[in-house]
Amino acid sequence: MFGRATAVSKSDFATFSFAVRALEAVAKPTRGAVELHFTYDEEFGGELGPGWLLAQGLTKPDLMVAAGFSHEVVVAHNGCLQLEVTVEGEMSHAAIPDSGCDALQGAVHLMNALYALNADYKKVASKVAGITHPYLNIGRIEGGTNTNVVPGKVVFKLDRRMIPEEDAAQVEQSIRDTIARAAASYAPPRGQAGIRVGVRRLLLAQAMTPLPGNAPLVEAIQKHGEAVFGEKPPAVGTPLYTDVRLYVARGIPGVIYGAGPRTVLESHAKRADERLSLDDLRRATKVVARALADLLSHR
């Protein structure tokens, strides 16, 4: 099956829905309950979906399983910090550039400083299997008005992935300090004024670290994963960030498992040809249904 969001995570709507239908039709547990949470705002922080449900006390699960890939049980994940940086200069005609201040040149100076910082991140290694190092990506740039106009304003957005060992507040302060130093050191072309820089936080998603109580989840999924797939899925971390952290932050043990290939790269995630093997979909559904049956029978 091909298409945007096929593997991450439309497929999991089917996995979890049909796993619960199997429980109702076959296992018919007489104790416990299962809730399905289909939320929509993970990439914007999750606070309007699961965050709101948890804050309002509308859900209080003992354990939780979230959408993921079939060949591993994810017990930890990266955090994510997203910032918007606005660089302001003074717009002018390209024929007389010294009468303005080129915001784009200033933005390039700042971005070079951030990319230098990113090179240092690659020297830091996480101790969590499946997670490598922190990294920074500048994913969007907007600015300028026309080809013959010196840009007066440029806005770029960056994404900083944080390994579980990092402190989010320190990471954000380090980036802000780097931007401030770069802005202060920027030497505009002769005759031009300086730049003005503003930084706004767009998102802060804390990393997920495993809680001791997740053992029953891990053991049940590994047991049935090995039976269905023929190999035991390892318990590892992932460089992604998810809504699971919101549950874990409230003391609810959680793991990530569902339909999907072995890696994000293999899934072609975020591309037009994102894909999913239907065999993985069927097998993952069996694993989830059987694991849920075990967990409910042991309540």
Protein backbone atom coordinates (compact mmCIF):
# COMPACT_ATOMS: atom_id res chain seq x y z
CA MET A 1 0.00 0.00 0.00
CA PHE A 2 1.41 3.39 -1.02
CA GLY A 3 0.65 7.01 -0.11
CA ARG A 4 1.51 9.81 2.31
CA ALA A 5 1.02 8.74 5.95
CA THR A 6 0.42 5.10 4.98
CA ALA A 7 3.06 3.76 7.37
CA VAL A 8 3.12 6.72 9.77
CA SER A 9 0.40 6.25 10.90
CA LYS A 10 -2.85 5.65 9.00
CA SER A 11 -2.14 1.93 9.03
CA ASP A 12 -2.37 1.88 12.82
CA PHE A 13 -6.00 2.93 12.73
CA ALA A 14 -6.64 -0.47 11.15
CA THR A 15 -4.18 -2.35 13.36
CA PHE A 16 -5.64 -1.23 16.66
CA SER A 17 -9.29 -1.18 15.54
CA PHE A 18 -9.21 -4.73 14.20
CA ALA A 19 -7.16 -5.95 17.17
CA VAL A 20 -9.96 -4.74 19.46
CA ARG A 21 -12.58 -6.33 17.19
CA ALA A 22 -10.70 -9.61 17.49
CA LEU A 23 -10.76 -9.30 21.27
CA GLU A 24 -14.52 -8.79 21.17
CA ALA A 25 -15.14 -11.67 18.76
CA VAL A 26 -12.62 -14.28 19.89
CA ALA A 27 -10.91 -13.66 23.24
CA LYS A 28 -13.92 -11.97 24.87
CA PRO A 29 -12.09 -10.81 28.02
CA THR A 30 -14.31 -10.36 31.07
CA ARG A 31 -12.00 -8.03 32.99
CA GLY A 32 -10.38 -4.71 32.20
CA ALA A 33 -11.03 -2.29 29.37
CA VAL A 34 -9.34 -0.99 26.23
CA GLU A 35 -9.59 2.58 24.98
CA LEU A 36 -8.72 3.67 21.44
CA HIS A 37 -7.35 7.23 21.18
CA PHE A 38 -7.30 8.55 17.61
CA THR A 39 -5.74 12.00 17.87
CA TYR A 40 -4.44 14.39 15.24
CA ASP A 41 -1.96 16.88 16.66
CA GLU A 42 1.20 14.92 17.44
CA GLU A 43 3.39 17.05 15.14
CA PHE A 44 2.14 20.18 16.93
CA GLY A 45 2.84 18.89 20.42
CA GLY A 46 -0.16 16.69 21.21
CA GLU A 47 -1.56 19.06 23.81
CA LEU A 48 -4.97 19.41 22.10
CA GLY A 49 -5.42 15.65 21.69
CA PRO A 50 -4.00 13.25 24.29
CA GLY A 51 -2.60 16.12 26.35
CA TRP A 52 -6.11 17.54 26.82
CA LEU A 53 -7.66 14.13 27.55
CA LEU A 54 -5.05 13.48 30.23
CA ALA A 55 -5.23 16.97 31.73
CA GLN A 56 -9.03 16.76 32.01
CA GLY A 57 -8.86 13.36 33.67
CA LEU A 58 -10.94 11.82 30.88
CA THR A 59 -8.51 8.94 30.50
CA LYS A 60 -6.49 7.16 33.20
CA PRO A 61 -4.97 4.04 31.66
CA ASP A 62 -2.69 1.65 33.50
CA LEU A 63 -0.65 0.96 30.34
CA MET A 64 -0.61 2.25 26.79
CA VAL A 65 0.57 1.16 23.33
CA ALA A 66 1.04 3.78 20.61
CA ALA A 67 1.43 3.62 16.85
CA GLY A 68 4.81 2.39 15.64
CA PHE A 69 6.62 -0.14 13.47
CA SER A 70 6.19 -3.92 13.66
CA HIS A 71 9.76 -5.13 13.95
CA GLU A 72 10.72 -3.51 17.24
CA VAL A 73 9.20 -2.43 20.54
CA VAL A 74 10.13 1.19 21.15
CA VAL A 75 10.67 2.09 24.80
CA ALA A 76 12.37 5.50 24.43
CA HIS A 77 12.47 8.33 21.93
CA ASN A 78 14.08 11.68 21.22
CA GLY A 79 12.70 15.02 22.30
CA CYS A 80 12.09 17.82 19.82
CA LEU A 81 12.53 21.58 20.01
CA GLN A 82 11.31 23.78 17.15
CA LEU A 83 12.16 27.47 16.92
CA GLU A 84 11.24 30.26 14.51
CA VAL A 85 13.99 32.82 13.90
CA THR A 86 13.12 36.20 12.38
CA VAL A 87 15.90 38.32 10.90
CA GLU A 88 15.01 41.92 10.04
CA GLY A 89 17.08 44.36 8.03
CA GLU A 90 15.94 47.18 5.77
CA MET A 91 14.47 46.64 2.34
CA SER A 92 15.95 48.67 -0.53
CA HIS A 93 16.28 48.68 -4.31
CA ALA A 94 18.89 46.22 -5.60
CA ALA A 95 20.46 49.06 -7.65
CA ILE A 96 21.39 50.88 -4.41
CA PRO A 97 21.87 48.02 -1.90
CA ASP A 98 23.91 50.12 0.53
CA SER A 99 20.78 52.14 1.29
CA GLY A 100 19.25 49.12 3.04
CA CYS A 101 20.30 46.12 5.09
CA ASP A 102 20.21 42.64 3.59
CA ALA A 103 18.32 40.39 6.02
CA LEU A 104 19.15 37.32 3.96
CA GLN A 105 22.90 37.78 4.35
CA GLY A 106 22.35 38.17 8.08
CA ALA A 107 20.20 35.00 8.14
CA VAL A 108 22.93 33.06 6.29
CA HIS A 109 25.44 34.15 8.95
CA LEU A 110 23.13 32.84 11.68
CA MET A 111 22.44 29.59 9.86
CA ASN A 112 26.16 28.94 9.36
CA ALA A 113 26.62 29.28 13.13
CA LEU A 114 23.80 26.81 13.72
CA TYR A 115 25.21 24.31 11.22
CA ALA A 116 28.58 24.56 13.00
CA LEU A 117 26.75 23.74 16.24
CA ASN A 118 25.16 20.77 14.50
CA ALA A 119 28.62 19.43 13.64
CA ASP A 120 29.40 19.36 17.37
CA TYR A 121 26.18 17.46 18.09
CA LYS A 122 27.41 14.54 16.00
CA LYS A 123 30.21 14.02 18.52
CA VAL A 124 27.68 13.30 21.31
CA ALA A 125 26.45 9.69 21.55
CA SER A 126 23.31 8.44 23.27
CA LYS A 127 23.48 5.31 25.40
CA VAL A 128 19.99 4.27 24.24
CA ALA A 129 20.02 1.56 21.57
CA GLY A 130 18.40 2.82 18.36
CA ILE A 131 19.24 6.48 19.06
CA THR A 132 22.49 7.95 17.76
CA HIS A 133 23.20 11.61 18.48
CA PRO A 134 21.45 15.00 18.72
CA TYR A 135 20.97 16.93 15.50
CA LEU A 136 19.58 20.15 14.12
CA ASN A 137 17.74 20.78 10.86
CA ILE A 138 16.68 24.06 9.26
CA GLY A 139 13.56 22.97 7.44
CA ARG A 140 11.95 26.14 6.12
CA ILE A 141 13.08 29.58 4.94
CA GLU A 142 10.88 32.48 3.84
CA GLY A 143 11.81 36.03 2.90
CA GLY A 144 12.26 38.77 0.38
CA THR A 145 9.73 40.46 -1.86
CA ASN A 146 11.19 40.46 -5.38
CA THR A 147 14.33 39.67 -7.35
CA ASN A 148 15.34 43.30 -7.63
CA VAL A 149 14.78 44.11 -3.95
CA VAL A 150 17.25 43.68 -1.08
CA PRO A 151 15.41 41.42 1.42
CA GLY A 152 14.20 43.30 4.45
CA LYS A 153 12.98 40.28 6.38
CA VAL A 154 13.79 36.58 6.45
CA VAL A 155 12.21 33.91 8.66
CA PHE A 156 13.58 30.41 9.08
CA LYS A 157 12.42 27.51 11.21
CA LEU A 158 14.64 24.93 12.85
CA ASP A 159 14.07 21.51 14.37
CA ARG A 160 16.41 20.27 17.11
CA ARG A 161 16.16 16.59 18.08
CA MET A 162 17.24 15.91 21.67
CA ILE A 163 18.51 12.55 22.90
CA PRO A 164 16.98 11.27 26.18
CA GLU A 165 20.11 12.22 28.14
CA GLU A 166 19.77 15.94 27.31
CA ASP A 167 18.05 18.67 29.30
CA ALA A 168 15.58 20.53 27.07
CA ALA A 169 15.99 23.87 28.86
CA GLN A 170 19.76 23.79 28.44
CA VAL A 171 19.44 22.82 24.78
CA GLU A 172 17.12 25.72 24.04
CA GLN A 173 19.32 28.21 25.91
CA SER A 174 22.39 26.99 24.03
CA ILE A 175 20.71 27.57 20.67
CA ARG A 176 19.43 30.99 21.69
CA ASP A 177 22.93 31.92 22.90
CA THR A 178 24.43 30.74 19.60
CA ILE A 179 21.97 32.86 17.63
CA ALA A 180 22.61 35.89 19.85
CA ARG A 181 26.39 35.60 19.47
CA ALA A 182 26.09 35.18 15.71
CA ALA A 183 23.82 38.22 15.46
CA ALA A 184 26.24 40.30 17.51
CA SER A 185 29.21 39.22 15.39
CA TYR A 186 27.53 39.84 12.05
CA ALA A 187 29.38 42.52 10.09
CA PRO A 188 27.02 43.89 7.42
CA PRO A 189 28.39 45.07 4.07
CA ARG A 190 29.94 48.53 4.18
CA GLY A 191 27.37 51.26 4.45
CA GLN A 192 24.59 48.97 5.65
CA ALA A 193 23.00 49.01 9.10
CA GLY A 194 22.89 45.95 11.36
CA ILE A 195 20.21 43.30 11.67
CA ARG A 196 17.55 42.68 14.32
CA VAL A 197 16.86 39.11 15.39
CA GLY A 198 13.92 37.53 17.20
CA VAL A 199 13.49 33.92 18.33
CA ARG A 200 10.15 32.27 19.06
CA ARG A 201 9.57 28.76 20.35
CA LEU A 202 7.09 26.76 18.24
CA LEU A 203 7.24 23.38 19.95
CA LEU A 204 8.88 21.64 22.87
CA ALA A 205 8.36 17.89 23.09
CA GLN A 206 10.25 16.18 25.90
CA ALA A 207 12.09 12.92 25.25
CA MET A 208 10.51 9.67 26.36
CA THR A 209 12.39 7.50 28.83
CA PRO A 210 11.13 4.03 29.85
CA LEU A 211 9.23 3.53 33.09
CA PRO A 212 9.86 0.32 35.09
CA GLY A 213 6.18 -0.63 34.77
CA ASN A 214 6.40 -1.14 31.02
CA ALA A 215 7.79 -4.68 31.43
CA PRO A 216 4.40 -6.47 30.97
CA LEU A 217 3.86 -4.56 27.71
CA VAL A 218 7.33 -5.29 26.37
CA GLU A 219 7.17 -8.96 27.34
CA ALA A 220 3.70 -9.54 25.84
CA ILE A 221 4.56 -7.87 22.53
CA GLN A 222 7.95 -9.58 22.27
CA LYS A 223 6.38 -12.98 23.02
CA HIS A 224 3.73 -12.71 20.34
CA GLY A 225 5.95 -10.79 17.94
CA GLU A 226 8.36 -13.71 17.94
CA ALA A 227 5.52 -16.19 17.43
CA VAL A 228 3.98 -14.28 14.51
CA PHE A 229 7.05 -12.78 12.79
CA GLY A 230 9.51 -15.57 13.54
CA GLU A 231 11.94 -13.32 15.39
CA LYS A 232 11.82 -11.52 18.71
CA PRO A 233 11.39 -7.75 18.27
CA PRO A 234 14.09 -5.88 20.22
CA ALA A 235 13.23 -3.22 22.80
CA VAL A 236 14.98 -0.07 21.53
CA GLY A 237 14.74 3.70 21.20
CA THR A 238 13.81 5.73 18.13
CA PRO A 239 14.97 9.15 16.89
CA LEU A 240 11.34 10.19 16.33
CA TYR A 241 9.21 11.95 18.94
CA THR A 242 5.65 10.88 19.77
CA ASP A 243 2.66 11.51 22.01
CA VAL A 244 3.68 8.60 24.24
CA ARG A 245 5.83 11.02 26.24
CA LEU A 246 2.65 12.74 27.49
CA TYR A 247 1.42 9.51 29.07
CA VAL A 248 4.84 8.56 30.43
CA ALA A 249 5.21 12.04 31.97
CA ARG A 250 2.08 11.26 34.02
CA GLY A 251 3.48 7.95 35.23
CA ILE A 252 1.68 5.75 32.68
CA PRO A 253 4.09 3.15 31.23
CA GLY A 254 3.94 3.07 27.46
CA VAL A 255 5.60 1.53 24.42
CA ILE A 256 5.39 2.08 20.68
CA TYR A 257 4.38 -0.77 18.37
CA GLY A 258 2.18 -1.20 15.31
CA ALA A 259 2.10 -1.77 11.57
CA GLY A 260 5.12 -0.77 9.55
CA PRO A 261 8.50 -1.75 8.11
CA ARG A 262 11.78 -2.12 9.98
CA THR A 263 12.90 1.51 9.77
CA VAL A 264 11.62 5.01 9.04
CA LEU A 265 13.93 5.10 6.03
CA GLU A 266 12.47 1.87 4.66
CA SER A 267 8.95 3.30 5.01
CA HIS A 268 9.81 6.34 2.82
CA ALA A 269 8.02 8.41 5.48
CA LYS A 270 6.97 11.95 4.48
CA ARG A 271 7.30 11.10 0.77
CA ALA A 272 4.68 10.52 -1.90
CA ASP A 273 5.72 6.86 -2.15
CA GLU A 274 5.49 6.11 1.56
CA ARG A 275 4.70 2.43 1.76
CA LEU A 276 3.54 -0.45 3.93
CA SER A 277 3.57 -4.21 3.43
CA LEU A 278 0.05 -5.55 3.96
CA ASP A 279 1.61 -8.68 5.48
CA ASP A 280 3.13 -6.44 8.16
CA LEU A 281 -0.28 -4.88 8.73
CA ARG A 282 -1.98 -8.25 9.22
CA ARG A 283 0.79 -9.70 11.38
CA ALA A 284 1.07 -6.62 13.59
CA THR A 285 -2.69 -6.73 14.16
CA LYS A 286 -2.39 -10.32 15.39
CA VAL A 287 0.45 -9.39 17.74
CA VAL A 288 -1.46 -6.45 19.23
CA ALA A 289 -4.65 -8.52 19.67
CA ARG A 290 -2.82 -11.40 21.36
CA ALA A 291 -0.78 -9.10 23.60
CA LEU A 292 -3.93 -7.28 24.71
CA ALA A 293 -5.61 -10.62 25.46
CA ASP A 294 -2.67 -11.60 27.68
CA LEU A 295 -2.62 -8.27 29.50
CA LEU A 296 -6.36 -8.31 30.17
CA SER A 297 -6.29 -11.89 31.43
CA HIS A 298 -3.61 -10.99 33.98
CA ARG A 299 -5.43 -8.04 35.51
